[in-house]
Amino acid sequence: MRQQRQWNEILNWFTSHLSTGFLEGINSLIQAAKAKARAGTVLRGT
């Protein structure tokens, strides 16, 4: 299963020319923004 996923990622790179590192970086920014938004609602008490 893992080998199949890795092979799919390699093939995806050839079609999209995006590495998973770039996409993981985007995901990290999204997760940080979501965490910051959650912290804001907790601090305001709503």
C-alpha atoms as a PDB file:
ATOM      1  CA  MET A   1       0.000   0.000   0.000  1.00  0.00           C
ATOM      2  CA  ARG A   2       2.753   2.450   0.948  1.00  0.00           C
ATOM      3  CA  GLN A   3       4.706   1.697  -2.201  1.00  0.00           C
ATOM      4  CA  GLN A   4       1.614   2.335  -4.311  1.00  0.00           C
ATOM      5  CA  ARG A   5       1.091   5.721  -2.627  1.00  0.00           C
ATOM      6  CA  GLN A   6       4.729   6.684  -3.162  1.00  0.00           C
ATOM      7  CA  TRP A   7       4.512   5.658  -6.800  1.00  0.00           C
ATOM      8  CA  ASN A   8       1.363   7.758  -7.217  1.00  0.00           C
ATOM      9  CA  GLU A   9       3.148  10.770  -5.707  1.00  0.00           C
ATOM     10  CA  ILE A  10       6.023  10.343  -8.141  1.00  0.00           C
ATOM     11  CA  LEU A  11       3.632  10.160 -11.082  1.00  0.00           C
ATOM     12  CA  ASN A  12       1.703  13.179  -9.785  1.00  0.00           C
ATOM     13  CA  TRP A  13       4.908  15.217  -9.767  1.00  0.00           C
ATOM     14  CA  PHE A  14       5.359  14.594 -13.474  1.00  0.00           C
ATOM     15  CA  THR A  15       1.816  15.714 -14.243  1.00  0.00           C
ATOM     16  CA  SER A  16       1.577  18.696 -11.876  1.00  0.00           C
ATOM     17  CA  HIS A  17       5.263  19.576 -11.281  1.00  0.00           C
ATOM     18  CA  LEU A  18       4.448  20.258  -7.622  1.00  0.00           C
ATOM     19  CA  SER A  19       6.312  18.466  -4.902  1.00  0.00           C
ATOM     20  CA  THR A  20       4.497  17.323  -1.812  1.00  0.00           C
ATOM     21  CA  GLY A  21       6.787  19.599   0.212  1.00  0.00           C
ATOM     22  CA  PHE A  22       5.239  22.670  -1.384  1.00  0.00           C
ATOM     23  CA  LEU A  23       1.732  21.369  -0.775  1.00  0.00           C
ATOM     24  CA  GLU A  24       2.590  20.471   2.827  1.00  0.00           C
ATOM     25  CA  GLY A  25       3.848  24.025   3.296  1.00  0.00           C
ATOM     26  CA  ILE A  26       0.520  25.388   2.073  1.00  0.00           C
ATOM     27  CA  ASN A  27      -1.291  22.991   4.414  1.00  0.00           C
ATOM     28  CA  SER A  28       0.874  24.172   7.309  1.00  0.00           C
ATOM     29  CA  LEU A  29      -0.131  27.785   6.659  1.00  0.00           C
ATOM     30  CA  ILE A  30      -3.806  26.825   6.548  1.00  0.00           C
ATOM     31  CA  GLN A  31      -3.541  24.863   9.800  1.00  0.00           C
ATOM     32  CA  ALA A  32      -1.760  27.781  11.510  1.00  0.00           C
ATOM     33  CA  ALA A  33      -4.474  30.204  10.382  1.00  0.00           C
ATOM     34  CA  LYS A  34      -7.176  27.866  11.687  1.00  0.00           C
ATOM     35  CA  ALA A  35      -5.408  27.530  15.048  1.00  0.00           C
ATOM     36  CA  LYS A  36      -5.051  31.306  15.305  1.00  0.00           C
ATOM     37  CA  ALA A  37      -8.751  31.733  14.539  1.00  0.00           C
ATOM     38  CA  ARG A  38      -9.688  29.190  17.216  1.00  0.00           C
ATOM     39  CA  ALA A  39      -7.461  30.945  19.762  1.00  0.00           C
ATOM     40  CA  GLY A  40      -9.192  34.242  19.004  1.00  0.00           C
ATOM     41  CA  THR A  41     -12.635  32.838  19.734  1.00  0.00           C
ATOM     42  CA  VAL A  42     -11.423  31.295  23.007  1.00  0.00           C
ATOM     43  CA  LEU A  43      -9.882  34.574  24.175  1.00  0.00           C
ATOM     44  CA  ARG A  44     -13.038  36.555  23.376  1.00  0.00           C
ATOM     45  CA  GLY A  45     -15.168  34.020  25.214  1.00  0.00           C
ATOM     46  CA  THR A  46     -17.618  33.436  22.372  1.00  0.00           C
END
